[in-house]
């Protein structure tokens, strides 16, 4: 209607051959051009400042955004995003007086396509056909020399989606060249343990908090990358948001690496140490719910050698004295294929996020292949503490 009215006005003016008419037409044209270029600038400038102000006033974080721009009328792009805590690591931990994750997030570029603005403004429902995240870099730090935090139940993704107050659907999410780093100071102090996952690329399909949508569209994730910056890894993850037990399936594969790496990352402290050997591959598959995980892990390796650590024997290590007798060091030509299968079993620590759940479940599978440790003892050595059920 606006264009039709404008056309009619211009037509009437141009049919009257006067200088004044032409000047009016030119002025209207210039105003329209200026508005076309300036309106998106005003909108993005307002939105950028509003987001930064909201995060600053309502959270414990600072937000920085390099550039925010509209892509037509149904998409936008943000670059150089940085979300950081207002306090540094030391001040953050000192204020809490217990260990907790200190997290920073950086993203090179975030782009949303085919946004349904009409649905958002009329029904407060956010819908975008596709989200592309380029270069996400997440860093998490935890100092476990500090006291344990008070128990606060952490919901799994399915429950978070079911109970979300924001109605949203993003059918396709693409992640390119991502990185996730977890750093932890062990409970006894010493050198910090750092676990980087780099060169992450993947797809997530059907992320939604809309019950009408997720009833027929399970969430699936497929990703690949490098663990410790050198071990090739592939993973698939899926769950039904409707499942009240929050069941999910996880399957993964890792390429070759030096077996001694497992001393620091995957084998519990059982007074034993891998001195040499090579892991050719690891494959695992597990099914988990809000309480417990179970599955199998196949570890293909050769020339594995282990030794007992020389140390004093305080009471808490007395129960481990028999482990040396149960340890089986496997040579390449001595083991049947079935003997390399391990059992994944872990009772979830419910005040930790899903990453802790998956990581400890994985470690039980590795340890059950390398060392004959009963499930209960294994979980104790992984540092599990009994928490009240919700």
Protein backbone atom coordinates (compact mmCIF):
# COMPACT_ATOMS: atom_id res chain seq x y z
CA UNK A 1 0.00 0.00 0.00
CA UNK A 2 2.83 2.39 0.85
CA UNK A 3 4.55 1.71 -2.47
CA UNK A 4 1.27 2.13 -4.34
CA UNK A 5 0.61 5.49 -2.67
CA UNK A 6 4.15 6.61 -3.36
CA UNK A 7 3.83 5.59 -7.00
CA UNK A 8 0.55 7.48 -7.32
CA UNK A 9 2.04 10.64 -5.76
CA UNK A 10 5.12 10.50 -7.98
CA UNK A 11 2.94 9.90 -11.07
CA UNK A 12 0.79 12.90 -10.29
CA UNK A 13 3.81 15.12 -9.72
CA UNK A 14 5.59 14.05 -12.88
CA UNK A 15 2.50 14.68 -14.99
CA UNK A 16 2.80 18.32 -13.90
CA UNK A 17 5.95 19.63 -15.60
CA UNK A 18 7.12 22.03 -12.91
CA UNK A 19 10.54 22.39 -11.29
CA UNK A 20 8.92 22.24 -7.89
CA UNK A 21 7.35 18.84 -8.64
CA UNK A 22 10.68 17.35 -9.70
CA UNK A 23 12.42 18.68 -6.60
CA UNK A 24 9.77 17.07 -4.39
CA UNK A 25 10.17 13.75 -6.20
CA UNK A 26 13.94 13.92 -5.78
CA UNK A 27 13.64 14.80 -2.08
CA UNK A 28 11.26 11.87 -1.45
CA UNK A 29 13.60 9.53 -3.29
CA UNK A 30 16.60 10.67 -1.24
CA UNK A 31 14.67 10.34 2.01
CA UNK A 32 13.68 6.77 1.10
CA UNK A 33 17.26 5.84 0.25
CA UNK A 34 18.50 7.28 3.53
CA UNK A 35 15.81 5.46 5.50
CA UNK A 36 16.55 2.15 3.77
CA UNK A 37 20.17 2.39 4.86
CA UNK A 38 19.65 3.97 8.30
CA UNK A 39 16.72 1.99 9.70
CA UNK A 40 18.68 -1.32 9.88
CA UNK A 41 21.57 0.58 11.49
CA UNK A 42 19.30 2.08 14.14
CA UNK A 43 17.68 -1.32 14.81
CA UNK A 44 20.98 -3.21 15.16
CA UNK A 45 22.56 -0.43 17.26
CA UNK A 46 19.61 -0.51 19.66
CA UNK A 47 19.54 -4.34 19.82
CA UNK A 48 23.30 -4.58 20.43
CA UNK A 49 23.26 -2.03 23.27
CA UNK A 50 20.13 -3.61 24.78
CA UNK A 51 21.71 -7.08 24.91
CA UNK A 52 24.95 -5.78 26.42
CA UNK A 53 23.02 -3.73 29.00
CA UNK A 54 20.77 -6.66 29.97
CA UNK A 55 23.70 -9.05 30.50
CA UNK A 56 25.62 -6.41 32.46
CA UNK A 57 22.71 -5.59 34.78
CA UNK A 58 21.17 -9.03 35.29
CA UNK A 59 24.11 -11.46 35.27
CA UNK A 60 27.63 -11.87 36.63
CA UNK A 61 29.03 -11.56 33.11
CA UNK A 62 30.32 -8.94 30.67
CA UNK A 63 29.16 -9.17 27.05
CA UNK A 64 31.00 -7.78 24.03
CA UNK A 65 29.73 -7.82 20.43
CA UNK A 66 31.90 -6.64 17.56
CA UNK A 67 29.21 -6.11 14.91
CA UNK A 68 25.51 -6.86 14.69
CA UNK A 69 23.83 -6.55 11.30
CA UNK A 70 20.56 -7.54 9.66
CA UNK A 71 20.61 -9.95 6.72
CA UNK A 72 17.57 -8.82 4.80
CA UNK A 73 14.46 -8.77 6.98
CA UNK A 74 14.60 -12.37 8.23
CA UNK A 75 18.15 -12.94 9.38
CA UNK A 76 20.99 -11.39 11.31
CA UNK A 77 24.68 -11.89 11.96
CA UNK A 78 26.78 -11.11 15.03
CA UNK A 79 30.58 -11.20 15.08
CA UNK A 80 33.33 -11.27 17.72
CA UNK A 81 31.07 -12.22 20.63
CA UNK A 82 32.75 -12.47 24.05
CA UNK A 83 31.01 -13.47 27.27
CA UNK A 84 33.25 -13.36 30.35
CA UNK A 85 32.70 -13.37 34.13
CA UNK A 86 33.06 -10.01 35.86
CA UNK A 87 35.44 -11.61 38.39
CA UNK A 88 38.67 -13.41 37.52
CA UNK A 89 39.24 -17.06 38.55
CA UNK A 90 40.77 -16.33 41.94
CA UNK A 91 38.23 -13.67 42.95
CA UNK A 92 35.34 -15.82 41.71
CA UNK A 93 36.39 -18.83 43.82
CA UNK A 94 37.16 -16.66 46.83
CA UNK A 95 33.69 -15.12 46.70
CA UNK A 96 31.97 -18.52 46.47
CA UNK A 97 34.17 -20.36 49.02
CA UNK A 98 33.57 -23.59 47.10
CA UNK A 99 34.60 -25.00 43.72
CA UNK A 100 32.42 -24.10 40.77
CA UNK A 101 32.84 -23.78 37.00
CA UNK A 102 34.35 -20.47 35.85
CA UNK A 103 33.35 -20.22 32.18
CA UNK A 104 34.19 -17.95 29.24
CA UNK A 105 32.60 -18.13 25.78
CA UNK A 106 33.86 -16.58 22.55
CA UNK A 107 32.29 -16.88 19.09
CA UNK A 108 33.78 -15.55 15.85
CA UNK A 109 30.46 -15.41 14.05
CA UNK A 110 26.85 -16.32 14.76
CA UNK A 111 24.28 -16.27 11.98
CA UNK A 112 20.52 -16.91 12.11
CA UNK A 113 18.50 -17.49 8.94
CA UNK A 114 14.78 -17.38 8.11
CA UNK A 115 13.60 -15.89 11.40
CA UNK A 116 9.82 -15.73 11.80
CA UNK A 117 9.49 -12.27 13.38
CA UNK A 118 5.72 -12.28 13.03
CA UNK A 119 5.38 -15.38 15.20
CA UNK A 120 7.80 -13.95 17.75
CA UNK A 121 6.01 -10.61 18.19
CA UNK A 122 2.50 -12.09 18.10
CA UNK A 123 3.03 -15.28 20.16
CA UNK A 124 6.45 -14.82 21.82
CA UNK A 125 7.64 -17.89 19.92
CA UNK A 126 11.13 -17.75 18.40
CA UNK A 127 11.61 -19.72 15.20
CA UNK A 128 14.60 -19.70 12.85
CA UNK A 129 15.25 -22.24 10.11
CA UNK A 130 19.00 -22.41 10.68
CA UNK A 131 21.70 -21.30 13.11
CA UNK A 132 25.37 -21.36 12.10
CA UNK A 133 28.01 -20.91 14.80
CA UNK A 134 31.54 -20.28 13.52
CA UNK A 135 34.56 -20.63 15.79
CA UNK A 136 32.91 -21.11 19.22
CA UNK A 137 35.56 -21.32 21.96
CA UNK A 138 34.37 -22.42 25.42
CA UNK A 139 36.72 -22.55 28.40
CA UNK A 140 35.73 -23.94 31.82
CA UNK A 141 37.89 -23.96 34.95
CA UNK A 142 37.32 -25.62 38.34
CA UNK A 143 39.55 -25.61 41.43
CA UNK A 144 38.77 -28.82 43.34
CA UNK A 145 41.11 -27.98 46.22
CA UNK A 146 38.23 -25.89 47.53
CA UNK A 147 35.20 -27.18 49.44
CA UNK A 148 32.39 -28.99 47.62
CA UNK A 149 29.55 -26.73 46.49
CA UNK A 150 26.08 -27.00 48.06
CA UNK A 151 23.87 -29.52 46.30
CA UNK A 152 21.88 -27.99 43.44
CA UNK A 153 20.18 -30.41 41.05
CA UNK A 154 21.32 -30.02 37.41
CA UNK A 155 18.72 -31.07 34.86
CA UNK A 156 19.63 -33.02 31.72
CA UNK A 157 18.90 -31.44 28.28
CA UNK A 158 15.54 -33.18 27.78
CA UNK A 159 14.17 -31.80 31.05
CA UNK A 160 15.56 -28.33 30.32
CA UNK A 161 13.68 -28.26 27.01
CA UNK A 162 10.42 -29.57 28.51
CA UNK A 163 10.48 -26.97 31.28
CA UNK A 164 11.78 -24.01 29.28
CA UNK A 165 9.78 -20.79 29.69
CA UNK A 166 10.91 -19.64 26.22
CA UNK A 167 9.11 -21.24 23.29
CA UNK A 168 11.59 -21.77 20.46
CA UNK A 169 12.48 -24.07 17.58
CA UNK A 170 15.66 -24.20 15.51
CA UNK A 171 15.53 -27.24 13.18
CA UNK A 172 19.17 -27.04 12.07
CA UNK A 173 22.25 -25.89 14.01
CA UNK A 174 25.68 -26.09 12.39
CA UNK A 175 28.92 -25.76 14.35
CA UNK A 176 32.19 -25.02 12.55
CA UNK A 177 35.74 -25.08 13.92
CA UNK A 178 34.75 -25.10 17.58
CA UNK A 179 36.87 -25.66 20.67
CA UNK A 180 36.01 -26.68 24.24
CA UNK A 181 38.65 -26.71 26.99
CA UNK A 182 38.15 -27.98 30.52
CA UNK A 183 40.84 -27.24 33.11
CA UNK A 184 40.79 -28.58 36.64
CA UNK A 185 43.06 -28.38 39.68
CA UNK A 186 42.83 -31.84 41.37
CA UNK A 187 41.51 -32.14 44.95
CA UNK A 188 45.04 -32.66 46.26
CA UNK A 189 46.42 -29.72 44.28
CA UNK A 190 49.44 -29.87 42.01
CA UNK A 191 49.54 -29.44 38.25
CA UNK A 192 46.23 -28.48 36.65
CA UNK A 193 44.66 -31.05 34.34
CA UNK A 194 43.64 -29.58 30.98
CA UNK A 195 41.43 -31.43 28.47
CA UNK A 196 41.00 -29.64 25.11
CA UNK A 197 38.54 -30.67 22.38
CA UNK A 198 39.47 -28.85 19.18
CA UNK A 199 38.52 -28.67 15.49
CA UNK A 200 34.92 -29.46 16.42
CA UNK A 201 32.50 -29.63 13.50
CA UNK A 202 28.99 -30.96 13.64
CA UNK A 203 25.23 -30.70 13.25
CA UNK A 204 22.38 -30.64 15.74
CA UNK A 205 18.87 -31.28 14.43
CA UNK A 206 15.43 -30.43 15.89
CA UNK A 207 16.31 -28.40 18.98
CA UNK A 208 12.97 -27.20 20.33
CA UNK A 209 11.01 -26.47 23.50
CA UNK A 210 7.70 -26.71 21.62
CA UNK A 211 5.88 -29.90 22.65
CA UNK A 212 3.95 -30.02 19.37
CA UNK A 213 7.29 -30.08 17.51
CA UNK A 214 9.45 -32.31 19.72
CA UNK A 215 6.80 -35.04 20.04
CA UNK A 216 7.65 -36.10 16.49
CA UNK A 217 11.23 -34.83 16.17
CA UNK A 218 13.93 -36.33 18.43
CA UNK A 219 17.05 -34.27 19.00
CA UNK A 220 20.16 -35.65 17.29
CA UNK A 221 23.76 -34.47 17.31
CA UNK A 222 26.69 -35.64 15.21
CA UNK A 223 30.14 -34.17 15.71
CA UNK A 224 33.80 -34.84 15.02
CA UNK A 225 37.00 -33.25 16.25
CA UNK A 226 40.23 -33.86 18.12
CA UNK A 227 40.67 -34.71 21.80
CA UNK A 228 43.87 -33.35 23.39
CA UNK A 229 44.43 -31.65 20.01
CA UNK A 230 45.63 -34.90 18.41
CA UNK A 231 43.22 -37.83 18.88
CA UNK A 232 40.58 -38.06 16.14
CA UNK A 233 37.09 -38.53 17.60
CA UNK A 234 33.54 -38.96 16.29
CA UNK A 235 30.34 -38.85 18.34
CA UNK A 236 26.58 -39.25 17.87
CA UNK A 237 24.05 -38.28 20.55
CA UNK A 238 20.26 -38.42 20.56
CA UNK A 239 17.29 -38.20 22.91
CA UNK A 240 13.50 -37.99 22.97
CA UNK A 241 12.49 -34.79 24.76
CA UNK A 242 9.18 -36.43 25.74
CA UNK A 243 10.91 -39.14 27.81
CA UNK A 244 10.36 -38.32 31.50
CA UNK A 245 13.36 -40.49 32.45
CA UNK A 246 15.55 -38.26 30.24
CA UNK A 247 16.99 -41.24 28.36
CA UNK A 248 19.70 -40.58 25.81
CA UNK A 249 21.95 -42.63 23.53
CA UNK A 250 25.62 -41.85 23.03
CA UNK A 251 28.05 -43.57 20.67
CA UNK A 252 31.64 -42.55 20.03
CA UNK A 253 34.89 -43.56 18.36
CA UNK A 254 38.46 -42.44 19.07
CA UNK A 255 41.59 -42.99 16.97
CA UNK A 256 45.07 -44.08 18.00
CA UNK A 257 47.16 -42.56 20.78
CA UNK A 258 49.88 -43.34 23.34
CA UNK A 259 48.35 -45.49 26.10
CA UNK A 260 50.20 -43.56 28.84
CA UNK A 261 47.80 -40.65 28.24
CA UNK A 262 45.17 -42.65 30.12
CA UNK A 263 47.10 -42.33 33.39
CA UNK A 264 46.08 -38.71 33.76
CA UNK A 265 42.71 -38.70 32.03
CA UNK A 266 40.87 -42.02 32.10
CA UNK A 267 42.39 -44.54 34.54
CA UNK A 268 41.36 -43.95 38.18
CA UNK A 269 44.05 -43.57 40.83
CA UNK A 270 44.34 -47.21 41.87
CA UNK A 271 48.05 -47.14 42.75
CA UNK A 272 48.76 -48.40 39.23
CA UNK A 273 50.39 -46.66 36.28
CA UNK A 274 50.64 -47.39 32.55
CA UNK A 275 54.32 -47.26 31.58
CA UNK A 276 54.06 -48.06 27.86
CA UNK A 277 51.75 -49.29 25.13
CA UNK A 278 49.64 -48.01 22.27
CA UNK A 279 45.87 -47.65 21.87
CA UNK A 280 44.77 -48.35 18.30
CA UNK A 281 41.13 -47.31 18.76
CA UNK A 282 38.29 -46.98 21.25
CA UNK A 283 34.61 -47.51 20.47
CA UNK A 284 31.83 -47.14 23.01
CA UNK A 285 28.05 -47.10 23.13
CA UNK A 286 25.94 -46.30 26.14
CA UNK A 287 22.33 -45.71 27.13
CA UNK A 288 21.72 -43.42 30.08
CA UNK A 289 18.88 -41.76 31.95
CA UNK A 290 18.61 -39.26 34.80
CA UNK A 291 19.94 -41.87 37.29
CA UNK A 292 22.45 -44.25 35.73
CA UNK A 293 24.40 -45.07 32.56
CA UNK A 294 25.14 -48.53 31.13
CA UNK A 295 26.93 -49.64 28.01
CA UNK A 296 29.95 -51.30 26.44
CA UNK A 297 33.38 -50.08 25.44
CA UNK A 298 35.83 -51.79 23.09
CA UNK A 299 39.46 -50.84 23.56
CA UNK A 300 41.89 -52.10 20.92
CA UNK A 301 45.50 -51.82 22.09
CA UNK A 302 48.83 -53.61 22.18
CA UNK A 303 52.03 -53.86 24.25
CA UNK A 304 50.39 -52.41 27.34
CA UNK A 305 52.60 -52.47 30.43
CA UNK A 306 51.70 -51.30 33.92
CA UNK A 307 53.46 -51.00 37.25
CA UNK A 308 52.55 -50.37 40.87
CA UNK A 309 53.25 -46.86 42.12
CA UNK A 310 55.63 -46.66 45.04
CA UNK A 311 53.92 -44.85 47.85
CA UNK A 312 52.95 -45.08 51.48
CA UNK A 313 49.89 -47.11 52.31
CA UNK A 314 47.38 -45.05 54.28
CA UNK A 315 44.11 -46.67 55.33
CA UNK A 316 42.16 -45.51 52.30
CA UNK A 317 44.47 -47.51 50.03
CA UNK A 318 44.37 -50.75 52.04
CA UNK A 319 41.36 -52.00 50.07
CA UNK A 320 43.36 -51.59 46.86
CA UNK A 321 46.23 -53.89 47.86
CA UNK A 322 44.72 -56.79 45.93
CA UNK A 323 44.46 -54.83 42.68
CA UNK A 324 47.94 -55.83 41.52
CA UNK A 325 46.85 -59.48 41.53
CA UNK A 326 43.74 -58.63 39.49
CA UNK A 327 45.57 -56.53 36.96
CA UNK A 328 45.96 -58.16 33.58
CA UNK A 329 48.61 -56.75 31.27
CA UNK A 330 47.58 -57.76 27.78
CA UNK A 331 49.99 -58.59 24.99
CA UNK A 332 49.00 -58.31 21.35
CA UNK A 333 48.80 -62.04 20.55
CA UNK A 334 47.51 -63.34 23.87
CA UNK A 335 44.02 -61.86 24.09
CA UNK A 336 40.76 -62.90 22.52
CA UNK A 337 38.61 -60.17 20.98
CA UNK A 338 35.92 -60.52 23.67
CA UNK A 339 38.42 -59.81 26.45
CA UNK A 340 38.87 -56.24 25.23
CA UNK A 341 35.26 -55.35 25.94
CA UNK A 342 34.64 -53.19 28.98
CA UNK A 343 31.46 -52.41 30.91
CA UNK A 344 30.24 -48.82 31.24
CA UNK A 345 28.31 -48.24 34.46
CA UNK A 346 28.03 -45.00 36.41
CA UNK A 347 25.46 -43.65 38.87
CA UNK A 348 24.96 -40.02 37.99
CA UNK A 349 26.20 -37.26 40.28
CA UNK A 350 23.09 -35.09 40.05
CA UNK A 351 24.58 -31.74 40.93
CA UNK A 352 26.90 -31.86 37.90
CA UNK A 353 26.19 -31.14 34.24
CA UNK A 354 25.86 -33.78 31.54
CA UNK A 355 29.53 -33.44 30.51
CA UNK A 356 30.64 -34.75 33.92
CA UNK A 357 28.14 -37.62 33.58
CA UNK A 358 29.41 -38.67 30.14
CA UNK A 359 33.09 -38.29 31.05
CA UNK A 360 32.86 -40.44 34.20
CA UNK A 361 30.75 -43.04 32.40
CA UNK A 362 33.44 -43.28 29.72
CA UNK A 363 36.16 -43.68 32.35
CA UNK A 364 34.40 -46.65 33.95
CA UNK A 365 34.46 -48.44 30.59
CA UNK A 366 38.18 -47.78 30.03
CA UNK A 367 39.12 -48.80 33.55
CA UNK A 368 37.11 -52.02 33.39
CA UNK A 369 39.18 -53.09 30.37
CA UNK A 370 42.58 -52.11 31.74
CA UNK A 371 42.07 -53.00 35.41
CA UNK A 372 39.69 -55.52 37.02
CA UNK A 373 38.02 -53.11 39.43
CA UNK A 374 34.52 -53.73 40.85
CA UNK A 375 31.94 -51.07 39.93
CA UNK A 376 31.53 -49.78 43.51
CA UNK A 377 35.26 -49.40 44.05
CA UNK A 378 35.69 -47.88 40.61
CA UNK A 379 33.12 -45.18 41.29
CA UNK A 380 34.75 -44.40 44.62
CA UNK A 381 38.10 -43.99 42.88
CA UNK A 382 36.49 -41.67 40.32
CA UNK A 383 35.63 -39.37 43.21
CA UNK A 384 31.89 -39.97 43.23
CA UNK A 385 30.10 -38.66 46.31
CA UNK A 386 26.65 -39.83 47.25
CA UNK A 387 24.08 -37.08 46.75
CA UNK A 388 20.42 -37.08 47.74
CA UNK A 389 18.04 -37.86 44.92
CA UNK A 390 15.75 -35.14 43.79
